Amino acid sequence: MERHVLSVLVRNTSGVLSRVSGLFMRRGFNIDSLSVGKTENPDFARMTITLMGGEETLDQFIKQLNKLQEVIKVIKLTPDNSVIRELVLIKVKADAAQRAAINDVAKIFRCKVIDLDTETLTIELTGDDSKISALIKLMEEYGVKEIVRTGLAAIERGSKDIKSYGDYFEEEYVG
């Protein structure tokens, strides 16, 4: 099974997230990650959906997505044509003796220390999956208390944008 990343432009209406996630459930697909947010035009939202499966599974899911009235456009993103990032927050056990060592690792990964108390330290990192996994592995030796990951956010490289695909865009939606 391979990982697929989809960029999905949808109308920003109530219930659209529920309909998309319901589609996963009804069809027995498993969402690896799902992130949603408004775009530069508040009438639209962009979903970045990550799922695992073969090409047949992906094709079936894209066809099902395109049947939803709120879906404007679905694009499959690949590592060579897109920028893919994720945010992670990691709360690590950190007594006074461990803080300096954890901070050194955080500097190497260009993390930010965003919270500190007498027993823990929380760091923030934005990066690709391999960078985040490497940091988590290193932090495990100090004792990871909690991890929160946002799921992927992705966008195509270069000047092409999702609206330039044109075939689904009526004049009122081009922006």
N, C-alpha and C. Protein backbone atom coordinates (compact mmCIF):
# COMPACT_ATOMS: atom_id res chain seq x y z
N MET A 1 0.85 -1.19 0.00
CA MET A 1 0.00 0.00 0.00
C MET A 1 0.89 1.24 0.00
N GLU A 2 0.46 2.23 -0.75
CA GLU A 2 1.21 3.47 -0.78
C GLU A 2 0.37 4.62 -0.24
N ARG A 3 1.08 5.68 0.14
CA ARG A 3 0.41 6.86 0.67
C ARG A 3 0.03 7.79 -0.48
N HIS A 4 -1.21 8.29 -0.46
CA HIS A 4 -1.70 9.23 -1.45
C HIS A 4 -2.12 10.51 -0.74
N VAL A 5 -1.75 11.64 -1.33
CA VAL A 5 -2.11 12.94 -0.77
C VAL A 5 -3.00 13.64 -1.79
N LEU A 6 -4.19 14.03 -1.34
CA LEU A 6 -5.15 14.72 -2.20
C LEU A 6 -5.37 16.14 -1.71
N SER A 7 -5.41 17.07 -2.63
CA SER A 7 -5.81 18.44 -2.33
C SER A 7 -7.22 18.59 -2.88
N VAL A 8 -8.16 18.93 -2.01
CA VAL A 8 -9.56 18.98 -2.40
C VAL A 8 -10.11 20.37 -2.09
N LEU A 9 -10.54 21.07 -3.13
CA LEU A 9 -11.17 22.38 -2.96
C LEU A 9 -12.66 22.15 -2.84
N VAL A 10 -13.26 22.68 -1.77
CA VAL A 10 -14.69 22.50 -1.52
C VAL A 10 -15.34 23.83 -1.22
N ARG A 11 -16.64 23.89 -1.40
CA ARG A 11 -17.38 25.07 -0.96
C ARG A 11 -17.35 25.08 0.56
N ASN A 12 -17.13 26.24 1.13
CA ASN A 12 -17.03 26.39 2.58
C ASN A 12 -18.43 26.52 3.18
N THR A 13 -19.09 25.39 3.31
CA THR A 13 -20.45 25.36 3.85
C THR A 13 -20.50 24.41 5.04
N SER A 14 -21.50 24.60 5.88
CA SER A 14 -21.63 23.71 7.03
C SER A 14 -21.98 22.31 6.55
N GLY A 15 -21.38 21.32 7.17
CA GLY A 15 -21.67 19.94 6.86
C GLY A 15 -20.77 19.31 5.82
N VAL A 16 -19.94 20.09 5.13
CA VAL A 16 -19.11 19.51 4.08
C VAL A 16 -18.09 18.53 4.66
N LEU A 17 -17.51 18.85 5.79
CA LEU A 17 -16.56 17.93 6.43
C LEU A 17 -17.25 16.63 6.81
N SER A 18 -18.45 16.73 7.33
CA SER A 18 -19.22 15.54 7.71
C SER A 18 -19.51 14.66 6.49
N ARG A 19 -19.86 15.28 5.37
CA ARG A 19 -20.16 14.50 4.17
C ARG A 19 -18.91 13.81 3.63
N VAL A 20 -17.78 14.50 3.66
CA VAL A 20 -16.54 13.89 3.16
C VAL A 20 -16.12 12.75 4.09
N SER A 21 -16.13 12.98 5.40
CA SER A 21 -15.73 11.91 6.31
C SER A 21 -16.74 10.76 6.28
N GLY A 22 -18.01 11.05 6.06
CA GLY A 22 -19.02 10.00 5.92
C GLY A 22 -18.76 9.14 4.70
N LEU A 23 -18.25 9.76 3.65
CA LEU A 23 -17.89 9.02 2.44
C LEU A 23 -16.80 8.00 2.74
N PHE A 24 -15.82 8.39 3.54
CA PHE A 24 -14.78 7.45 3.95
C PHE A 24 -15.41 6.27 4.69
N MET A 25 -16.27 6.59 5.64
CA MET A 25 -16.86 5.55 6.48
C MET A 25 -17.72 4.59 5.66
N ARG A 26 -18.59 5.12 4.80
CA ARG A 26 -19.49 4.27 4.01
C ARG A 26 -18.74 3.36 3.06
N ARG A 27 -17.62 3.81 2.56
CA ARG A 27 -16.87 3.03 1.58
C ARG A 27 -15.77 2.18 2.21
N GLY A 28 -15.61 2.29 3.53
CA GLY A 28 -14.61 1.50 4.22
C GLY A 28 -13.18 1.97 4.01
N PHE A 29 -13.01 3.24 3.62
CA PHE A 29 -11.67 3.80 3.46
C PHE A 29 -11.16 4.24 4.81
N ASN A 30 -9.85 4.23 4.99
CA ASN A 30 -9.26 4.71 6.23
C ASN A 30 -8.51 6.01 5.95
N ILE A 31 -8.86 7.06 6.67
CA ILE A 31 -8.18 8.34 6.55
C ILE A 31 -6.91 8.27 7.37
N ASP A 32 -5.77 8.51 6.74
CA ASP A 32 -4.51 8.59 7.45
C ASP A 32 -4.39 9.95 8.12
N SER A 33 -4.73 11.02 7.39
CA SER A 33 -4.83 12.35 7.99
C SER A 33 -5.77 13.20 7.16
N LEU A 34 -6.35 14.19 7.82
CA LEU A 34 -7.29 15.10 7.19
C LEU A 34 -7.12 16.46 7.84
N SER A 35 -6.78 17.45 7.05
CA SER A 35 -6.72 18.81 7.57
C SER A 35 -7.55 19.71 6.68
N VAL A 36 -8.22 20.67 7.28
CA VAL A 36 -9.16 21.53 6.57
C VAL A 36 -8.97 22.96 7.04
N GLY A 37 -9.06 23.89 6.11
CA GLY A 37 -9.01 25.30 6.48
C GLY A 37 -9.53 26.16 5.35
N LYS A 38 -9.91 27.39 5.68
CA LYS A 38 -10.36 28.35 4.68
C LYS A 38 -9.22 28.68 3.74
N THR A 39 -9.57 29.08 2.53
CA THR A 39 -8.58 29.49 1.55
C THR A 39 -8.51 31.02 1.51
N GLU A 40 -7.79 31.53 0.52
CA GLU A 40 -7.72 32.99 0.33
C GLU A 40 -9.09 33.58 0.01
N ASN A 41 -10.02 32.74 -0.44
CA ASN A 41 -11.41 33.14 -0.70
C ASN A 41 -12.26 32.46 0.37
N PRO A 42 -12.92 33.21 1.24
CA PRO A 42 -13.68 32.60 2.34
C PRO A 42 -14.85 31.73 1.90
N ASP A 43 -15.21 31.76 0.61
CA ASP A 43 -16.27 30.89 0.10
C ASP A 43 -15.80 29.46 -0.08
N PHE A 44 -14.48 29.24 -0.03
CA PHE A 44 -13.90 27.92 -0.27
C PHE A 44 -13.06 27.48 0.91
N ALA A 45 -12.95 26.17 1.07
CA ALA A 45 -12.03 25.57 2.03
C ALA A 45 -11.21 24.55 1.26
N ARG A 46 -10.01 24.30 1.77
CA ARG A 46 -9.17 23.27 1.16
C ARG A 46 -8.96 22.17 2.17
N MET A 47 -9.16 20.94 1.71
CA MET A 47 -8.90 19.77 2.52
C MET A 47 -7.64 19.11 1.96
N THR A 48 -6.76 18.73 2.85
CA THR A 48 -5.64 17.89 2.47
C THR A 48 -5.93 16.53 3.09
N ILE A 49 -6.15 15.55 2.24
CA ILE A 49 -6.54 14.21 2.69
C ILE A 49 -5.42 13.24 2.35
N THR A 50 -5.00 12.49 3.35
CA THR A 50 -3.99 11.46 3.14
C THR A 50 -4.63 10.11 3.40
N LEU A 51 -4.48 9.20 2.43
CA LEU A 51 -5.02 7.86 2.62
C LEU A 51 -4.02 6.84 2.10
N MET A 52 -4.12 5.64 2.62
CA MET A 52 -3.25 4.53 2.21
C MET A 52 -4.06 3.59 1.33
N GLY A 53 -3.41 3.08 0.28
CA GLY A 53 -4.08 2.11 -0.57
C GLY A 53 -3.45 2.07 -1.94
N GLY A 54 -3.95 1.18 -2.75
CA GLY A 54 -3.47 1.05 -4.11
C GLY A 54 -4.13 2.06 -5.03
N GLU A 55 -3.73 2.05 -6.29
CA GLU A 55 -4.28 2.98 -7.28
C GLU A 55 -5.79 2.78 -7.46
N GLU A 56 -6.24 1.53 -7.39
CA GLU A 56 -7.67 1.26 -7.55
C GLU A 56 -8.48 1.92 -6.43
N THR A 57 -8.00 1.81 -5.21
CA THR A 57 -8.65 2.45 -4.07
C THR A 57 -8.68 3.95 -4.26
N LEU A 58 -7.55 4.52 -4.67
CA LEU A 58 -7.47 5.96 -4.88
C LEU A 58 -8.45 6.41 -5.95
N ASP A 59 -8.46 5.73 -7.09
CA ASP A 59 -9.37 6.10 -8.18
C ASP A 59 -10.83 6.05 -7.73
N GLN A 60 -11.18 5.01 -6.99
CA GLN A 60 -12.56 4.87 -6.50
C GLN A 60 -12.91 6.02 -5.55
N PHE A 61 -11.97 6.36 -4.67
CA PHE A 61 -12.25 7.42 -3.72
C PHE A 61 -12.39 8.77 -4.42
N ILE A 62 -11.53 9.06 -5.40
CA ILE A 62 -11.63 10.33 -6.13
C ILE A 62 -12.97 10.42 -6.86
N LYS A 63 -13.40 9.32 -7.47
CA LYS A 63 -14.70 9.32 -8.16
C LYS A 63 -15.82 9.62 -7.17
N GLN A 64 -15.76 9.02 -5.98
CA GLN A 64 -16.79 9.26 -4.97
C GLN A 64 -16.76 10.71 -4.48
N LEU A 65 -15.57 11.25 -4.29
CA LEU A 65 -15.44 12.65 -3.87
C LEU A 65 -16.07 13.58 -4.90
N ASN A 66 -15.77 13.33 -6.16
CA ASN A 66 -16.27 14.20 -7.23
C ASN A 66 -17.79 14.17 -7.36
N LYS A 67 -18.45 13.16 -6.80
CA LYS A 67 -19.91 13.10 -6.83
C LYS A 67 -20.55 14.04 -5.80
N LEU A 68 -19.78 14.46 -4.80
CA LEU A 68 -20.33 15.35 -3.78
C LEU A 68 -20.51 16.75 -4.35
N GLN A 69 -21.66 17.33 -4.13
CA GLN A 69 -22.01 18.63 -4.69
C GLN A 69 -21.04 19.73 -4.24
N GLU A 70 -20.55 19.66 -3.02
CA GLU A 70 -19.68 20.72 -2.49
C GLU A 70 -18.25 20.65 -3.01
N VAL A 71 -17.87 19.53 -3.60
CA VAL A 71 -16.49 19.36 -4.07
C VAL A 71 -16.32 20.07 -5.41
N ILE A 72 -15.36 21.00 -5.45
CA ILE A 72 -15.07 21.76 -6.66
C ILE A 72 -14.00 21.05 -7.50
N LYS A 73 -12.90 20.62 -6.85
CA LYS A 73 -11.79 20.03 -7.58
C LYS A 73 -10.99 19.12 -6.66
N VAL A 74 -10.51 18.00 -7.21
CA VAL A 74 -9.65 17.07 -6.48
C VAL A 74 -8.37 16.91 -7.29
N ILE A 75 -7.24 17.10 -6.64
CA ILE A 75 -5.94 16.95 -7.30
C ILE A 75 -5.08 16.01 -6.47
N LYS A 76 -4.47 15.04 -7.13
CA LYS A 76 -3.51 14.16 -6.45
C LYS A 76 -2.16 14.88 -6.45
N LEU A 77 -1.58 15.03 -5.27
CA LEU A 77 -0.28 15.67 -5.13
C LEU A 77 0.80 14.61 -4.99
N THR A 78 1.95 14.88 -5.56
CA THR A 78 3.10 13.98 -5.42
C THR A 78 4.25 14.76 -4.80
N PRO A 79 5.20 14.07 -4.19
CA PRO A 79 6.32 14.78 -3.56
C PRO A 79 7.09 15.69 -4.52
N ASP A 80 7.18 15.31 -5.82
CA ASP A 80 7.95 16.16 -6.73
C ASP A 80 7.18 17.39 -7.20
N ASN A 81 5.85 17.41 -7.12
CA ASN A 81 5.12 18.59 -7.60
C ASN A 81 4.49 19.40 -6.48
N SER A 82 4.87 19.13 -5.23
CA SER A 82 4.19 19.82 -4.13
C SER A 82 5.10 20.00 -2.92
N VAL A 83 4.65 20.88 -2.05
CA VAL A 83 5.28 21.08 -0.75
C VAL A 83 4.33 20.48 0.28
N ILE A 84 4.83 19.55 1.08
CA ILE A 84 4.01 18.84 2.05
C ILE A 84 4.63 19.02 3.43
N ARG A 85 3.85 19.52 4.38
CA ARG A 85 4.34 19.76 5.73
C ARG A 85 3.30 19.32 6.75
N GLU A 86 3.79 19.14 7.98
CA GLU A 86 2.94 18.79 9.11
C GLU A 86 3.50 19.50 10.33
N LEU A 87 2.64 19.84 11.25
CA LEU A 87 3.04 20.43 12.53
C LEU A 87 2.88 19.39 13.61
N VAL A 88 3.87 19.31 14.51
CA VAL A 88 3.78 18.40 15.65
C VAL A 88 4.13 19.16 16.91
N LEU A 89 3.41 18.87 17.98
CA LEU A 89 3.73 19.36 19.33
C LEU A 89 4.10 18.14 20.15
N ILE A 90 5.26 18.20 20.81
CA ILE A 90 5.72 17.06 21.61
C ILE A 90 6.01 17.54 23.03
N LYS A 91 5.32 16.95 23.98
CA LYS A 91 5.58 17.25 25.39
C LYS A 91 6.50 16.16 25.93
N VAL A 92 7.66 16.58 26.44
CA VAL A 92 8.71 15.64 26.86
C VAL A 92 8.99 15.85 28.34
N LYS A 93 9.25 14.74 29.06
CA LYS A 93 9.72 14.85 30.44
C LYS A 93 11.06 15.59 30.41
N ALA A 94 11.18 16.60 31.26
CA ALA A 94 12.42 17.39 31.22
C ALA A 94 12.69 18.01 32.59
N ASP A 95 13.50 17.31 33.38
CA ASP A 95 13.92 17.93 34.63
C ASP A 95 15.06 18.90 34.30
N ALA A 96 15.53 19.59 35.28
CA ALA A 96 16.55 20.63 35.06
C ALA A 96 17.80 20.06 34.37
N ALA A 97 18.18 18.84 34.69
CA ALA A 97 19.39 18.24 34.11
C ALA A 97 19.21 17.89 32.63
N GLN A 98 17.99 17.57 32.21
CA GLN A 98 17.74 17.16 30.83
C GLN A 98 17.46 18.32 29.88
N ARG A 99 17.07 19.46 30.40
CA ARG A 99 16.62 20.57 29.55
C ARG A 99 17.66 21.01 28.53
N ALA A 100 18.90 21.11 28.92
CA ALA A 100 19.94 21.58 28.00
C ALA A 100 20.12 20.60 26.83
N ALA A 101 20.12 19.30 27.13
CA ALA A 101 20.28 18.30 26.08
C ALA A 101 19.09 18.31 25.12
N ILE A 102 17.88 18.41 25.66
CA ILE A 102 16.69 18.47 24.82
C ILE A 102 16.71 19.73 23.97
N ASN A 103 17.11 20.84 24.56
CA ASN A 103 17.19 22.10 23.83
C ASN A 103 18.21 22.02 22.69
N ASP A 104 19.32 21.32 22.90
CA ASP A 104 20.32 21.14 21.84
C ASP A 104 19.73 20.37 20.65
N VAL A 105 18.99 19.31 20.95
CA VAL A 105 18.34 18.55 19.89
C VAL A 105 17.31 19.43 19.17
N ALA A 106 16.55 20.19 19.93
CA ALA A 106 15.55 21.09 19.34
C ALA A 106 16.20 22.09 18.39
N LYS A 107 17.36 22.62 18.75
CA LYS A 107 18.07 23.57 17.88
C LYS A 107 18.51 22.91 16.58
N ILE A 108 18.98 21.68 16.65
CA ILE A 108 19.41 20.98 15.44
C ILE A 108 18.24 20.80 14.47
N PHE A 109 17.07 20.51 15.02
CA PHE A 109 15.88 20.31 14.19
C PHE A 109 15.15 21.62 13.87
N ARG A 110 15.66 22.73 14.37
CA ARG A 110 15.02 24.05 14.21
C ARG A 110 13.61 24.07 14.80
N CYS A 111 13.49 23.46 15.96
CA CYS A 111 12.23 23.46 16.70
C CYS A 111 12.12 24.72 17.53
N LYS A 112 10.91 24.96 18.02
CA LYS A 112 10.69 26.03 18.98
C LYS A 112 10.26 25.39 20.29
N VAL A 113 10.83 25.85 21.39
CA VAL A 113 10.33 25.46 22.70
C VAL A 113 9.18 26.41 22.99
N ILE A 114 7.98 25.86 23.15
CA ILE A 114 6.81 26.72 23.30
C ILE A 114 6.20 26.69 24.70
N ASP A 115 6.67 25.76 25.54
CA ASP A 115 6.19 25.72 26.92
C ASP A 115 7.22 25.00 27.76
N LEU A 116 7.33 25.47 28.98
CA LEU A 116 8.31 24.91 29.91
C LEU A 116 7.75 24.99 31.31
N ASP A 117 7.84 23.89 32.03
CA ASP A 117 7.54 23.94 33.46
C ASP A 117 8.58 23.10 34.19
N THR A 118 8.36 22.80 35.45
CA THR A 118 9.38 22.13 36.24
C THR A 118 9.61 20.68 35.83
N GLU A 119 8.63 20.05 35.19
CA GLU A 119 8.76 18.63 34.84
C GLU A 119 8.71 18.32 33.35
N THR A 120 8.24 19.28 32.54
CA THR A 120 8.10 19.01 31.10
C THR A 120 8.56 20.20 30.27
N LEU A 121 8.78 19.88 29.01
CA LEU A 121 9.13 20.88 28.01
C LEU A 121 8.32 20.52 26.76
N THR A 122 7.69 21.49 26.12
CA THR A 122 6.91 21.24 24.91
C THR A 122 7.59 21.92 23.75
N ILE A 123 7.80 21.14 22.68
CA ILE A 123 8.45 21.68 21.49
C ILE A 123 7.52 21.58 20.29
N GLU A 124 7.74 22.48 19.34
CA GLU A 124 6.94 22.56 18.12
C GLU A 124 7.87 22.39 16.94
N LEU A 125 7.46 21.58 15.99
CA LEU A 125 8.25 21.37 14.78
C LEU A 125 7.32 21.30 13.58
N THR A 126 7.72 21.96 12.51
CA THR A 126 7.03 21.84 11.23
C THR A 126 8.01 21.19 10.26
N GLY A 127 7.55 20.17 9.55
CA GLY A 127 8.43 19.51 8.59
C GLY A 127 7.73 18.37 7.89
N ASP A 128 8.52 17.60 7.16
CA ASP A 128 7.95 16.43 6.49
C ASP A 128 7.95 15.25 7.46
N ASP A 129 7.34 14.16 7.03
CA ASP A 129 7.15 13.01 7.90
C ASP A 129 8.47 12.44 8.43
N SER A 130 9.50 12.39 7.59
CA SER A 130 10.77 11.80 8.05
C SER A 130 11.43 12.66 9.12
N LYS A 131 11.34 13.97 8.99
CA LYS A 131 11.93 14.87 10.00
C LYS A 131 11.18 14.74 11.32
N ILE A 132 9.86 14.71 11.25
CA ILE A 132 9.05 14.60 12.47
C ILE A 132 9.29 13.25 13.14
N SER A 133 9.33 12.18 12.36
CA SER A 133 9.57 10.84 12.93
C SER A 133 10.94 10.76 13.59
N ALA A 134 11.94 11.37 12.96
CA ALA A 134 13.29 11.36 13.54
C ALA A 134 13.32 12.09 14.88
N LEU A 135 12.65 13.23 14.97
CA LEU A 135 12.62 13.98 16.23
C LEU A 135 11.88 13.18 17.31
N ILE A 136 10.77 12.60 16.96
CA ILE A 136 10.01 11.80 17.94
C ILE A 136 10.88 10.67 18.48
N LYS A 137 11.58 10.00 17.59
CA LYS A 137 12.46 8.89 18.02
C LYS A 137 13.52 9.37 19.00
N LEU A 138 14.12 10.52 18.73
CA LEU A 138 15.13 11.06 19.65
C LEU A 138 14.52 11.48 20.99
N MET A 139 13.31 12.03 20.95
CA MET A 139 12.67 12.50 22.18
C MET A 139 12.20 11.33 23.05
N GLU A 140 12.01 10.15 22.47
CA GLU A 140 11.57 8.99 23.24
C GLU A 140 12.56 8.63 24.34
N GLU A 141 13.84 8.88 24.14
CA GLU A 141 14.82 8.55 25.18
C GLU A 141 14.66 9.45 26.42
N TYR A 142 14.02 10.59 26.27
CA TYR A 142 13.78 11.48 27.42
C TYR A 142 12.43 11.19 28.08
N GLY A 143 11.55 10.54 27.33
CA GLY A 143 10.22 10.23 27.85
C GLY A 143 9.16 11.15 27.28
N VAL A 144 8.55 10.73 26.20
CA VAL A 144 7.48 11.51 25.58
C VAL A 144 6.21 11.33 26.41
N LYS A 145 5.63 12.46 26.83
CA LYS A 145 4.38 12.42 27.59
C LYS A 145 3.16 12.51 26.67
N GLU A 146 3.24 13.38 25.65
CA GLU A 146 2.14 13.56 24.71
C GLU A 146 2.68 13.99 23.35
N ILE A 147 1.95 13.59 22.31
CA ILE A 147 2.24 14.04 20.95
C ILE A 147 0.93 14.44 20.30
N VAL A 148 0.93 15.59 19.64
CA VAL A 148 -0.21 16.04 18.85
C VAL A 148 0.30 16.38 17.47
N ARG A 149 -0.29 15.74 16.45
CA ARG A 149 0.08 16.01 15.06
C ARG A 149 -1.12 16.58 14.32
N THR A 150 -0.87 17.55 13.46
CA THR A 150 -1.97 18.22 12.76
C THR A 150 -2.48 17.46 11.56
N GLY A 151 -1.70 16.57 11.00
CA GLY A 151 -2.01 16.01 9.70
C GLY A 151 -1.35 16.89 8.65
N LEU A 152 -1.29 16.40 7.44
CA LEU A 152 -0.56 17.09 6.39
C LEU A 152 -1.30 18.32 5.88
N ALA A 153 -0.52 19.30 5.51
CA ALA A 153 -0.98 20.43 4.71
C ALA A 153 -0.09 20.41 3.47
N ALA A 154 -0.69 20.56 2.30
CA ALA A 154 0.09 20.44 1.07
C ALA A 154 -0.42 21.41 0.02
N ILE A 155 0.51 21.85 -0.83
CA ILE A 155 0.17 22.77 -1.91
C ILE A 155 1.10 22.48 -3.08
N GLU A 156 0.59 22.69 -4.29
CA GLU A 156 1.43 22.46 -5.48
C GLU A 156 2.55 23.49 -5.54
N ARG A 157 3.68 23.06 -6.06
CA ARG A 157 4.82 23.96 -6.29
C ARG A 157 4.55 24.85 -7.50
N GLY A 158 5.25 25.97 -7.58
CA GLY A 158 5.22 26.82 -8.76
C GLY A 158 3.99 27.70 -8.83
N SER A 159 3.78 28.26 -10.02
CA SER A 159 2.73 29.25 -10.19
C SER A 159 1.35 28.65 -10.44
N LYS A 160 1.27 27.36 -10.74
CA LYS A 160 -0.02 26.73 -10.98
C LYS A 160 -0.78 26.63 -9.66
N ASP A 161 -2.07 26.97 -9.69
CA ASP A 161 -2.88 26.80 -8.50
C ASP A 161 -4.12 25.98 -8.84
N ILE A 162 -4.83 25.58 -7.84
CA ILE A 162 -5.95 24.65 -8.02
C ILE A 162 -7.02 25.24 -8.94
N LYS A 163 -7.15 26.56 -8.97
CA LYS A 163 -8.16 27.19 -9.82
C LYS A 163 -7.75 27.18 -11.29
N SER A 164 -6.46 26.99 -11.58
CA SER A 164 -6.01 27.01 -12.97
C SER A 164 -6.40 25.75 -13.74
N TYR A 165 -6.97 24.78 -13.06
CA TYR A 165 -7.41 23.58 -13.76
C TYR A 165 -8.68 23.82 -14.55
N GLY A 166 -9.44 24.85 -14.15
CA GLY A 166 -10.51 25.40 -14.96
C GLY A 166 -11.77 24.61 -15.19
N ASP A 167 -11.72 23.34 -15.49
CA ASP A 167 -12.91 22.64 -15.97
C ASP A 167 -14.07 22.63 -14.99
N TYR A 168 -13.84 22.81 -13.71
CA TYR A 168 -14.94 22.80 -12.75
C TYR A 168 -15.31 24.20 -12.28
N PHE A 169 -14.64 25.20 -12.80
CA PHE A 169 -14.84 26.54 -12.27
C PHE A 169 -15.75 27.36 -13.15
N GLU A 170 -16.84 27.77 -12.54
CA GLU A 170 -17.73 28.71 -13.20
C GLU A 170 -17.13 30.09 -12.96
N GLU A 171 -17.52 31.06 -13.72
CA GLU A 171 -16.96 32.42 -13.62
C GLU A 171 -17.02 32.96 -12.19
N GLU A 172 -18.12 32.70 -11.47
CA GLU A 172 -18.28 33.26 -10.13
C GLU A 172 -17.28 32.69 -9.12
N TYR A 173 -16.68 31.54 -9.41
CA TYR A 173 -15.79 30.91 -8.44
C TYR A 173 -14.32 31.17 -8.70
N VAL A 174 -13.95 31.72 -9.83
CA VAL A 174 -12.54 31.87 -10.17
C VAL A 174 -11.86 32.84 -9.23
N GLY A 175 -12.56 33.83 -8.71
CA GLY A 175 -12.00 34.71 -7.70
C GLY A 175 -11.25 35.80 -8.32
